[in-house]
């Protein structure tokens, strides 16, 4: 138990150091925490990406889109070879992001991330960022569309409830007529 706890604490320290380098915009130093065959898993992307070079390119593109981005680690915990991290990102959209031209709008969103550590390096990541929020905040996905999606979900449940209620009433009426 003590060895596992010590390994978990070491993995947390590794991740804190990697995020400290990233927060300083020292992408080269942050990349040194990654294994050479680093694996990237992004929510919504149907294939894995691989390698430090790919990670660096993705990180540079992000920092170019939001040069003043602040990264706040809100939670970090570890078990065995995994480290879970909840992050808050705040910044200004002043560069192209996913094909969206700069808007100068502020963003504030969450990212939930899981990392696998192997041989003292970050070997794999699973990233689940709140992309809907960031796209809404920069105006790429209008907030009214988000509201319509939310309402559409309730319409489906409302219709299902009405259908169920109508079925129950019909069954009761038919059973009372048959009796």
N, C-alpha and C. Protein backbone atom coordinates (compact mmCIF):
# COMPACT_ATOMS: atom_id res chain seq x y z
N UNK A 1 0.83 -1.20 0.00
CA UNK A 1 0.00 0.00 0.00
C UNK A 1 0.87 1.26 0.00
N UNK A 2 1.91 1.25 0.84
CA UNK A 2 2.79 2.42 0.93
C UNK A 2 3.52 2.66 -0.39
N UNK A 3 3.97 1.58 -1.05
CA UNK A 3 4.67 1.73 -2.33
C UNK A 3 3.74 2.32 -3.38
N UNK A 4 2.48 1.87 -3.40
CA UNK A 4 1.50 2.40 -4.35
C UNK A 4 1.25 3.88 -4.07
N UNK A 5 1.11 4.24 -2.81
CA UNK A 5 0.88 5.63 -2.44
C UNK A 5 2.07 6.50 -2.82
N UNK A 6 3.28 6.00 -2.61
CA UNK A 6 4.49 6.73 -2.97
C UNK A 6 4.56 6.91 -4.48
N UNK A 7 4.23 5.86 -5.25
CA UNK A 7 4.23 5.96 -6.71
C UNK A 7 3.19 6.97 -7.17
N UNK A 8 2.01 6.94 -6.56
CA UNK A 8 0.95 7.88 -6.92
C UNK A 8 1.39 9.31 -6.65
N UNK A 9 2.03 9.54 -5.51
CA UNK A 9 2.51 10.88 -5.18
C UNK A 9 3.60 11.33 -6.15
N UNK A 10 4.46 10.41 -6.56
CA UNK A 10 5.48 10.72 -7.56
C UNK A 10 4.86 11.07 -8.91
N UNK A 11 3.80 10.36 -9.27
CA UNK A 11 3.11 10.65 -10.53
C UNK A 11 2.43 12.01 -10.49
N UNK A 12 1.87 12.36 -9.33
CA UNK A 12 1.27 13.69 -9.18
C UNK A 12 2.34 14.76 -9.30
N UNK A 13 3.48 14.55 -8.67
CA UNK A 13 4.58 15.52 -8.76
C UNK A 13 5.04 15.69 -10.22
N UNK A 14 5.14 14.58 -10.95
CA UNK A 14 5.50 14.63 -12.36
C UNK A 14 4.51 15.49 -13.14
N UNK A 15 3.21 15.26 -12.91
CA UNK A 15 2.18 16.02 -13.63
C UNK A 15 2.20 17.49 -13.24
N UNK A 16 2.39 17.78 -11.97
CA UNK A 16 2.45 19.19 -11.54
C UNK A 16 3.62 19.90 -12.22
N UNK A 17 4.76 19.24 -12.33
CA UNK A 17 5.91 19.83 -12.99
C UNK A 17 5.65 20.04 -14.49
N UNK A 18 4.98 19.07 -15.11
CA UNK A 18 4.66 19.21 -16.54
C UNK A 18 3.70 20.37 -16.76
N UNK A 19 2.67 20.49 -15.92
CA UNK A 19 1.73 21.60 -16.05
C UNK A 19 2.37 22.94 -15.72
N UNK A 20 3.34 22.95 -14.80
CA UNK A 20 4.05 24.20 -14.49
C UNK A 20 4.81 24.67 -15.72
N UNK A 21 5.47 23.75 -16.42
CA UNK A 21 6.19 24.11 -17.65
C UNK A 21 5.21 24.61 -18.71
N UNK A 22 4.08 23.93 -18.84
CA UNK A 22 3.07 24.34 -19.82
C UNK A 22 2.52 25.73 -19.48
N UNK A 23 2.27 25.98 -18.22
CA UNK A 23 1.76 27.29 -17.79
C UNK A 23 2.75 28.42 -18.08
N UNK A 24 4.05 28.09 -18.06
CA UNK A 24 5.10 29.08 -18.40
C UNK A 24 5.26 29.23 -19.90
N UNK A 25 4.49 28.47 -20.67
CA UNK A 25 4.57 28.44 -22.14
C UNK A 25 5.88 27.82 -22.62
N UNK A 26 6.50 27.03 -21.76
CA UNK A 26 7.74 26.34 -22.13
C UNK A 26 7.36 24.97 -22.69
N UNK A 27 6.93 24.98 -23.94
CA UNK A 27 6.42 23.77 -24.57
C UNK A 27 7.53 22.72 -24.70
N UNK A 28 8.75 23.16 -24.97
CA UNK A 28 9.87 22.22 -25.10
C UNK A 28 10.09 21.49 -23.77
N UNK A 29 10.08 22.22 -22.66
CA UNK A 29 10.27 21.59 -21.35
C UNK A 29 9.11 20.67 -21.01
N UNK A 30 7.88 21.10 -21.33
CA UNK A 30 6.70 20.27 -21.06
C UNK A 30 6.77 18.98 -21.87
N UNK A 31 7.23 19.06 -23.11
CA UNK A 31 7.31 17.88 -23.98
C UNK A 31 8.32 16.85 -23.45
N UNK A 32 9.31 17.30 -22.70
CA UNK A 32 10.31 16.38 -22.14
C UNK A 32 9.70 15.45 -21.09
N UNK A 33 8.53 15.80 -20.54
CA UNK A 33 7.85 14.93 -19.59
C UNK A 33 7.11 13.79 -20.29
N UNK A 34 6.99 13.87 -21.61
CA UNK A 34 6.25 12.88 -22.40
C UNK A 34 7.18 11.77 -22.88
N UNK A 35 6.64 10.56 -22.95
CA UNK A 35 7.42 9.46 -23.54
C UNK A 35 7.53 9.72 -25.04
N UNK A 36 8.58 9.20 -25.67
CA UNK A 36 8.75 9.43 -27.12
C UNK A 36 7.58 8.92 -27.95
N UNK A 37 6.92 7.85 -27.50
CA UNK A 37 5.77 7.29 -28.23
C UNK A 37 4.45 7.69 -27.59
N UNK A 38 4.41 8.88 -27.05
CA UNK A 38 3.24 9.43 -26.36
C UNK A 38 1.96 9.25 -27.19
N UNK A 39 0.86 8.85 -26.53
CA UNK A 39 -0.42 8.60 -27.19
C UNK A 39 -1.43 9.66 -26.74
N UNK A 40 -2.12 10.27 -27.71
CA UNK A 40 -3.10 11.32 -27.46
C UNK A 40 -4.48 10.80 -27.83
N UNK A 41 -5.40 10.84 -26.87
CA UNK A 41 -6.80 10.46 -27.09
C UNK A 41 -7.65 11.68 -26.79
N UNK A 42 -8.32 12.23 -27.79
CA UNK A 42 -9.18 13.40 -27.62
C UNK A 42 -10.63 12.99 -27.80
N UNK A 43 -11.50 13.41 -26.87
CA UNK A 43 -12.92 13.11 -26.98
C UNK A 43 -13.44 13.65 -28.31
N UNK A 44 -14.18 12.82 -29.02
CA UNK A 44 -14.77 13.23 -30.28
C UNK A 44 -13.88 13.02 -31.49
N UNK A 45 -12.62 12.67 -31.28
CA UNK A 45 -11.71 12.39 -32.39
C UNK A 45 -11.63 10.87 -32.54
N UNK A 46 -11.98 10.35 -33.71
CA UNK A 46 -12.12 8.90 -33.86
C UNK A 46 -10.82 8.10 -33.90
N UNK A 47 -9.69 8.76 -33.88
CA UNK A 47 -8.42 8.04 -33.93
C UNK A 47 -7.44 8.66 -32.93
N UNK A 48 -6.47 7.85 -32.53
CA UNK A 48 -5.43 8.34 -31.64
C UNK A 48 -4.41 9.13 -32.44
N UNK A 49 -3.81 10.09 -31.78
CA UNK A 49 -2.66 10.79 -32.34
C UNK A 49 -1.45 10.34 -31.53
N UNK A 50 -0.28 10.46 -32.10
CA UNK A 50 0.90 9.94 -31.42
C UNK A 50 2.09 10.89 -31.55
N UNK A 51 2.91 10.85 -30.51
CA UNK A 51 4.21 11.48 -30.54
C UNK A 51 4.28 12.87 -29.92
N UNK A 52 5.50 13.17 -29.48
CA UNK A 52 5.77 14.49 -28.89
C UNK A 52 5.56 15.60 -29.91
N UNK A 53 5.94 15.37 -31.16
CA UNK A 53 5.82 16.40 -32.18
C UNK A 53 4.35 16.79 -32.39
N UNK A 54 3.49 15.79 -32.43
CA UNK A 54 2.05 16.05 -32.58
C UNK A 54 1.53 16.83 -31.38
N UNK A 55 1.94 16.41 -30.17
CA UNK A 55 1.51 17.11 -28.96
C UNK A 55 1.99 18.56 -28.99
N UNK A 56 3.24 18.77 -29.38
CA UNK A 56 3.78 20.14 -29.45
C UNK A 56 3.00 20.99 -30.45
N UNK A 57 2.70 20.42 -31.62
CA UNK A 57 1.94 21.15 -32.64
C UNK A 57 0.56 21.54 -32.11
N UNK A 58 -0.11 20.60 -31.44
CA UNK A 58 -1.43 20.89 -30.86
C UNK A 58 -1.33 21.99 -29.79
N UNK A 59 -0.33 21.90 -28.93
CA UNK A 59 -0.16 22.88 -27.85
C UNK A 59 0.17 24.27 -28.42
N UNK A 60 1.04 24.31 -29.41
CA UNK A 60 1.39 25.60 -30.03
C UNK A 60 0.17 26.24 -30.70
N UNK A 61 -0.64 25.42 -31.37
CA UNK A 61 -1.85 25.94 -32.01
C UNK A 61 -2.80 26.52 -30.96
N UNK A 62 -2.92 25.84 -29.83
CA UNK A 62 -3.79 26.32 -28.76
C UNK A 62 -3.29 27.64 -28.20
N UNK A 63 -1.99 27.72 -27.92
CA UNK A 63 -1.42 28.95 -27.38
C UNK A 63 -1.46 30.09 -28.40
N UNK A 64 -1.39 29.77 -29.68
CA UNK A 64 -1.53 30.81 -30.71
C UNK A 64 -2.96 31.33 -30.76
N UNK A 65 -3.93 30.47 -30.49
CA UNK A 65 -5.34 30.88 -30.48
C UNK A 65 -5.68 31.71 -29.25
N UNK A 66 -5.08 31.36 -28.12
CA UNK A 66 -5.37 32.01 -26.84
C UNK A 66 -4.04 32.33 -26.14
N UNK A 67 -3.32 33.35 -26.61
CA UNK A 67 -1.97 33.61 -26.09
C UNK A 67 -1.92 33.95 -24.60
N UNK A 68 -3.01 34.48 -24.05
CA UNK A 68 -3.01 34.84 -22.64
C UNK A 68 -3.67 33.78 -21.76
N UNK A 69 -3.84 32.59 -22.28
CA UNK A 69 -4.57 31.54 -21.55
C UNK A 69 -3.91 31.28 -20.19
N UNK A 70 -4.76 31.14 -19.19
CA UNK A 70 -4.31 30.78 -17.85
C UNK A 70 -4.82 29.38 -17.56
N UNK A 71 -3.97 28.55 -17.00
CA UNK A 71 -4.32 27.17 -16.70
C UNK A 71 -4.33 27.01 -15.19
N UNK A 72 -5.49 26.68 -14.66
CA UNK A 72 -5.63 26.48 -13.21
C UNK A 72 -5.96 25.02 -12.95
N UNK A 73 -5.08 24.35 -12.22
CA UNK A 73 -5.35 22.98 -11.82
C UNK A 73 -6.29 23.01 -10.63
N UNK A 74 -7.49 22.48 -10.81
CA UNK A 74 -8.49 22.52 -9.74
C UNK A 74 -8.49 21.24 -8.90
N UNK A 75 -8.22 20.12 -9.52
CA UNK A 75 -8.12 18.85 -8.81
C UNK A 75 -7.08 17.99 -9.50
N UNK A 76 -6.37 17.20 -8.70
CA UNK A 76 -5.44 16.23 -9.26
C UNK A 76 -5.32 15.09 -8.25
N UNK A 77 -5.54 13.88 -8.72
CA UNK A 77 -5.37 12.74 -7.85
C UNK A 77 -4.89 11.55 -8.68
N UNK A 78 -4.29 10.58 -7.99
CA UNK A 78 -3.67 9.46 -8.69
C UNK A 78 -4.02 8.14 -8.04
N UNK A 79 -4.01 7.12 -8.85
CA UNK A 79 -4.13 5.73 -8.41
C UNK A 79 -3.31 4.89 -9.37
N UNK A 80 -2.44 4.11 -8.81
CA UNK A 80 -1.57 3.25 -9.61
C UNK A 80 -0.82 4.10 -10.64
N UNK A 81 -0.97 3.77 -11.94
CA UNK A 81 -0.23 4.49 -12.98
C UNK A 81 -1.04 5.60 -13.64
N UNK A 82 -2.20 5.95 -13.08
CA UNK A 82 -3.09 6.96 -13.66
C UNK A 82 -3.15 8.20 -12.78
N UNK A 83 -3.23 9.36 -13.45
CA UNK A 83 -3.42 10.65 -12.76
C UNK A 83 -4.61 11.34 -13.43
N UNK A 84 -5.59 11.72 -12.62
CA UNK A 84 -6.77 12.45 -13.11
C UNK A 84 -6.59 13.91 -12.76
N UNK A 85 -6.96 14.78 -13.72
CA UNK A 85 -6.78 16.22 -13.54
C UNK A 85 -8.04 16.94 -14.02
N UNK A 86 -8.50 17.90 -13.21
CA UNK A 86 -9.58 18.80 -13.63
C UNK A 86 -8.97 20.18 -13.72
N UNK A 87 -9.08 20.77 -14.90
CA UNK A 87 -8.45 22.06 -15.18
C UNK A 87 -9.49 23.11 -15.55
N UNK A 88 -9.14 24.35 -15.29
CA UNK A 88 -9.93 25.49 -15.74
C UNK A 88 -9.02 26.34 -16.62
N UNK A 89 -9.52 26.68 -17.79
CA UNK A 89 -8.79 27.52 -18.73
C UNK A 89 -9.54 28.83 -18.89
N UNK A 90 -8.81 29.95 -18.79
CA UNK A 90 -9.40 31.26 -19.05
C UNK A 90 -8.43 32.03 -19.94
N UNK A 91 -8.99 32.76 -20.91
CA UNK A 91 -8.14 33.52 -21.81
C UNK A 91 -8.96 34.25 -22.85
N UNK A 92 -8.26 34.80 -23.83
CA UNK A 92 -8.89 35.62 -24.87
C UNK A 92 -8.60 35.02 -26.24
N UNK A 93 -9.64 34.92 -27.05
CA UNK A 93 -9.54 34.34 -28.40
C UNK A 93 -8.99 35.39 -29.36
N UNK A 94 -7.66 35.40 -29.54
CA UNK A 94 -7.04 36.39 -30.42
C UNK A 94 -6.33 35.76 -31.62
N UNK A 95 -6.45 34.45 -31.77
CA UNK A 95 -5.89 33.76 -32.93
C UNK A 95 -6.89 32.74 -33.45
N UNK A 96 -6.71 32.28 -34.67
CA UNK A 96 -7.63 31.32 -35.27
C UNK A 96 -7.71 30.07 -34.40
N UNK A 97 -8.92 29.57 -34.18
CA UNK A 97 -9.13 28.37 -33.38
C UNK A 97 -10.12 27.47 -34.11
N UNK A 98 -9.65 26.29 -34.51
CA UNK A 98 -10.48 25.31 -35.22
C UNK A 98 -11.22 25.94 -36.39
N UNK A 99 -10.52 26.78 -37.13
CA UNK A 99 -11.11 27.43 -38.30
C UNK A 99 -11.92 28.68 -38.00
N UNK A 100 -12.02 29.05 -36.74
CA UNK A 100 -12.77 30.25 -36.34
C UNK A 100 -11.80 31.41 -36.17
N UNK A 101 -12.08 32.49 -36.90
CA UNK A 101 -11.23 33.67 -36.84
C UNK A 101 -11.29 34.31 -35.46
N UNK A 102 -10.24 35.04 -35.06
CA UNK A 102 -10.19 35.67 -33.74
C UNK A 102 -11.40 36.59 -33.50
N UNK A 103 -11.92 36.52 -32.29
CA UNK A 103 -13.08 37.35 -31.92
C UNK A 103 -12.77 38.33 -30.80
N UNK A 104 -11.68 38.12 -30.09
CA UNK A 104 -11.37 38.96 -28.94
C UNK A 104 -12.23 38.63 -27.73
N UNK A 105 -13.02 37.56 -27.82
CA UNK A 105 -13.90 37.19 -26.71
C UNK A 105 -13.16 36.36 -25.68
N UNK A 106 -13.59 36.51 -24.43
CA UNK A 106 -13.02 35.76 -23.32
C UNK A 106 -13.61 34.37 -23.27
N UNK A 107 -12.79 33.42 -22.89
CA UNK A 107 -13.25 32.06 -22.68
C UNK A 107 -12.95 31.63 -21.25
N UNK A 108 -13.79 30.75 -20.76
CA UNK A 108 -13.65 30.20 -19.41
C UNK A 108 -14.29 28.82 -19.47
N UNK A 109 -13.49 27.79 -19.48
CA UNK A 109 -14.05 26.45 -19.64
C UNK A 109 -13.24 25.41 -18.88
N UNK A 110 -13.80 24.22 -18.77
CA UNK A 110 -13.21 23.12 -18.02
C UNK A 110 -12.65 22.06 -18.95
N UNK A 111 -11.66 21.35 -18.46
CA UNK A 111 -11.14 20.18 -19.15
C UNK A 111 -10.93 19.09 -18.10
N UNK A 112 -11.33 17.88 -18.46
CA UNK A 112 -11.17 16.72 -17.58
C UNK A 112 -10.20 15.79 -18.29
N UNK A 113 -9.11 15.47 -17.62
CA UNK A 113 -8.03 14.77 -18.29
C UNK A 113 -7.53 13.61 -17.44
N UNK A 114 -7.15 12.55 -18.12
CA UNK A 114 -6.60 11.37 -17.46
C UNK A 114 -5.27 11.05 -18.14
N UNK A 115 -4.27 10.77 -17.33
CA UNK A 115 -2.93 10.48 -17.85
C UNK A 115 -2.45 9.13 -17.33
N UNK A 116 -1.71 8.43 -18.18
CA UNK A 116 -1.07 7.18 -17.78
C UNK A 116 0.44 7.43 -17.73
N UNK A 117 1.05 7.04 -16.62
CA UNK A 117 2.48 7.24 -16.42
C UNK A 117 3.18 5.89 -16.58
N UNK A 118 4.28 5.88 -17.32
CA UNK A 118 5.08 4.66 -17.48
C UNK A 118 6.56 5.05 -17.51
N UNK A 119 7.34 4.36 -16.71
CA UNK A 119 8.79 4.59 -16.68
C UNK A 119 9.15 6.05 -16.42
N UNK A 120 8.40 6.71 -15.54
CA UNK A 120 8.69 8.09 -15.15
C UNK A 120 8.34 9.13 -16.20
N UNK A 121 7.58 8.75 -17.21
CA UNK A 121 7.16 9.68 -18.27
C UNK A 121 5.65 9.60 -18.44
N UNK A 122 5.08 10.65 -19.01
CA UNK A 122 3.66 10.65 -19.34
C UNK A 122 3.53 9.88 -20.65
N UNK A 123 2.87 8.73 -20.61
CA UNK A 123 2.81 7.83 -21.76
C UNK A 123 1.55 8.02 -22.59
N UNK A 124 0.46 8.45 -21.95
CA UNK A 124 -0.80 8.55 -22.67
C UNK A 124 -1.71 9.54 -21.97
N UNK A 125 -2.54 10.22 -22.78
CA UNK A 125 -3.53 11.14 -22.22
C UNK A 125 -4.89 10.89 -22.85
N UNK A 126 -5.92 11.13 -22.05
CA UNK A 126 -7.30 11.13 -22.52
C UNK A 126 -7.86 12.50 -22.13
N UNK A 127 -8.24 13.29 -23.10
CA UNK A 127 -8.69 14.66 -22.86
C UNK A 127 -10.17 14.77 -23.20
N UNK A 128 -10.94 15.31 -22.27
CA UNK A 128 -12.36 15.57 -22.49
C UNK A 128 -12.60 17.03 -22.10
N UNK A 129 -12.33 17.93 -23.03
CA UNK A 129 -12.51 19.36 -22.81
C UNK A 129 -13.94 19.77 -23.16
N UNK A 130 -14.40 20.80 -22.51
CA UNK A 130 -15.75 21.33 -22.74
C UNK A 130 -15.73 22.19 -24.00
N UNK A 131 -15.63 21.52 -25.15
CA UNK A 131 -15.53 22.24 -26.42
C UNK A 131 -16.80 22.99 -26.77
N UNK A 132 -17.97 22.48 -26.37
CA UNK A 132 -19.21 23.18 -26.67
C UNK A 132 -19.21 24.55 -26.00
N UNK A 133 -18.74 24.62 -24.77
CA UNK A 133 -18.68 25.91 -24.07
C UNK A 133 -17.71 26.86 -24.75
N UNK A 134 -16.51 26.38 -25.08
CA UNK A 134 -15.54 27.29 -25.69
C UNK A 134 -16.02 27.78 -27.06
N UNK A 135 -16.63 26.89 -27.86
CA UNK A 135 -17.15 27.31 -29.17
C UNK A 135 -18.31 28.28 -29.02
N UNK A 136 -19.14 28.09 -28.01
CA UNK A 136 -20.23 29.03 -27.75
C UNK A 136 -19.67 30.38 -27.32
N UNK A 137 -18.65 30.36 -26.45
CA UNK A 137 -18.09 31.61 -25.95
C UNK A 137 -17.40 32.43 -27.03
N UNK A 138 -16.82 31.78 -28.04
CA UNK A 138 -16.18 32.55 -29.11
C UNK A 138 -17.15 32.87 -30.25
N UNK A 139 -18.40 32.40 -30.11
CA UNK A 139 -19.43 32.71 -31.10
C UNK A 139 -19.49 31.74 -32.27
N UNK A 140 -18.73 30.65 -32.23
CA UNK A 140 -18.75 29.67 -33.31
C UNK A 140 -20.01 28.81 -33.25
N UNK A 141 -20.57 28.69 -32.07
CA UNK A 141 -21.80 27.93 -31.86
C UNK A 141 -22.73 28.85 -31.08
N UNK A 142 -23.69 29.48 -31.75
CA UNK A 142 -24.55 30.47 -31.07
C UNK A 142 -25.27 29.90 -29.86
N UNK A 143 -25.33 30.68 -28.80
CA UNK A 143 -25.97 30.25 -27.55
C UNK A 143 -27.43 29.88 -27.78
N UNK A 144 -28.10 30.54 -28.74
CA UNK A 144 -29.51 30.21 -28.99
C UNK A 144 -29.64 28.78 -29.50
N UNK A 145 -28.64 28.28 -30.25
CA UNK A 145 -28.67 26.88 -30.70
C UNK A 145 -28.54 25.94 -29.51
N UNK A 146 -27.71 26.31 -28.56
CA UNK A 146 -27.56 25.51 -27.34
C UNK A 146 -28.88 25.45 -26.59
N UNK A 147 -29.57 26.58 -26.48
CA UNK A 147 -30.86 26.62 -25.79
C UNK A 147 -31.88 25.76 -26.54
N UNK A 148 -31.89 25.84 -27.87
CA UNK A 148 -32.82 25.03 -28.65
C UNK A 148 -32.54 23.53 -28.48
N UNK A 149 -31.27 23.15 -28.40
CA UNK A 149 -30.93 21.75 -28.15
C UNK A 149 -31.45 21.31 -26.79
N UNK A 150 -31.27 22.16 -25.79
CA UNK A 150 -31.71 21.85 -24.45
C UNK A 150 -33.22 21.68 -24.42
N UNK A 151 -33.93 22.61 -25.06
CA UNK A 151 -35.39 22.53 -25.11
C UNK A 151 -35.86 21.31 -25.90
N UNK A 152 -35.16 20.98 -26.97
CA UNK A 152 -35.52 19.81 -27.77
C UNK A 152 -35.44 18.54 -26.92
N UNK A 153 -34.46 18.46 -26.07
CA UNK A 153 -34.34 17.32 -25.17
C UNK A 153 -35.54 17.20 -24.26
N UNK A 154 -35.99 18.33 -23.74
CA UNK A 154 -37.17 18.30 -22.87
C UNK A 154 -38.43 17.99 -23.66
N UNK A 155 -38.53 18.42 -24.91
CA UNK A 155 -39.70 18.10 -25.73
C UNK A 155 -39.82 16.59 -25.93
N UNK A 156 -38.70 15.93 -26.12
CA UNK A 156 -38.71 14.48 -26.31
C UNK A 156 -39.24 13.80 -25.05
N UNK A 157 -38.72 14.21 -23.90
CA UNK A 157 -39.18 13.60 -22.64
C UNK A 157 -40.63 13.94 -22.36
N UNK A 158 -41.04 15.15 -22.67
CA UNK A 158 -42.43 15.55 -22.47
C UNK A 158 -43.35 14.70 -23.35
N UNK A 159 -42.97 14.53 -24.63
CA UNK A 159 -43.77 13.72 -25.55
C UNK A 159 -43.83 12.27 -25.08
N UNK A 160 -42.73 11.74 -24.60
CA UNK A 160 -42.72 10.36 -24.10
C UNK A 160 -43.64 10.22 -22.89
N UNK A 161 -43.59 11.21 -22.00
CA UNK A 161 -44.46 11.18 -20.82
C UNK A 161 -45.93 11.27 -21.19
N UNK A 162 -46.26 12.14 -22.14
CA UNK A 162 -47.65 12.27 -22.60
C UNK A 162 -48.10 10.96 -23.24
N UNK A 163 -47.24 10.36 -24.04
CA UNK A 163 -47.57 9.08 -24.68
C UNK A 163 -47.80 7.98 -23.66
N UNK A 164 -46.95 7.92 -22.65
CA UNK A 164 -47.11 6.93 -21.58
C UNK A 164 -48.41 7.16 -20.82
N UNK A 165 -48.70 8.41 -20.48
CA UNK A 165 -49.93 8.75 -19.78
C UNK A 165 -51.15 8.39 -20.62
N UNK A 166 -51.11 8.69 -21.90
CA UNK A 166 -52.23 8.35 -22.79
C UNK A 166 -52.41 6.84 -22.86
N UNK A 167 -51.33 6.09 -22.87
CA UNK A 167 -51.41 4.63 -22.89
C UNK A 167 -52.05 4.08 -21.62
N UNK A 168 -51.66 4.64 -20.47
CA UNK A 168 -52.23 4.20 -19.19
C UNK A 168 -53.73 4.51 -19.14
N UNK A 169 -54.11 5.72 -19.55
CA UNK A 169 -55.53 6.11 -19.54
C UNK A 169 -56.32 5.22 -20.49
N UNK A 170 -55.79 4.95 -21.67
CA UNK A 170 -56.48 4.09 -22.64
C UNK A 170 -56.65 2.69 -22.07
N UNK A 171 -55.63 2.16 -21.45
CA UNK A 171 -55.69 0.82 -20.86
C UNK A 171 -56.74 0.76 -19.76
N UNK A 172 -56.75 1.79 -18.89
CA UNK A 172 -57.75 1.83 -17.81
C UNK A 172 -59.16 1.93 -18.36
N UNK A 173 -59.36 2.76 -19.38
CA UNK A 173 -60.68 2.92 -19.98
C UNK A 173 -61.15 1.62 -20.63
N UNK A 174 -60.24 0.95 -21.36
CA UNK A 174 -60.62 -0.30 -22.01
C UNK A 174 -60.90 -1.40 -20.99
N UNK A 175 -60.12 -1.44 -19.92
CA UNK A 175 -60.34 -2.47 -18.91
C UNK A 175 -61.65 -2.21 -18.16
N UNK A 176 -62.05 -0.93 -17.96
CA UNK A 176 -63.32 -0.64 -17.30
C UNK A 176 -64.50 -0.93 -18.22
N UNK A 177 -64.35 -0.75 -19.51
CA UNK A 177 -65.42 -1.06 -20.48
C UNK A 177 -65.58 -2.58 -20.57
N UNK A 178 -64.48 -3.30 -20.56
CA UNK A 178 -64.52 -4.75 -20.66
C UNK A 178 -65.13 -5.38 -19.41
N UNK A 179 -65.03 -4.71 -18.29
CA UNK A 179 -65.55 -5.25 -17.04
C UNK A 179 -66.99 -4.96 -16.94
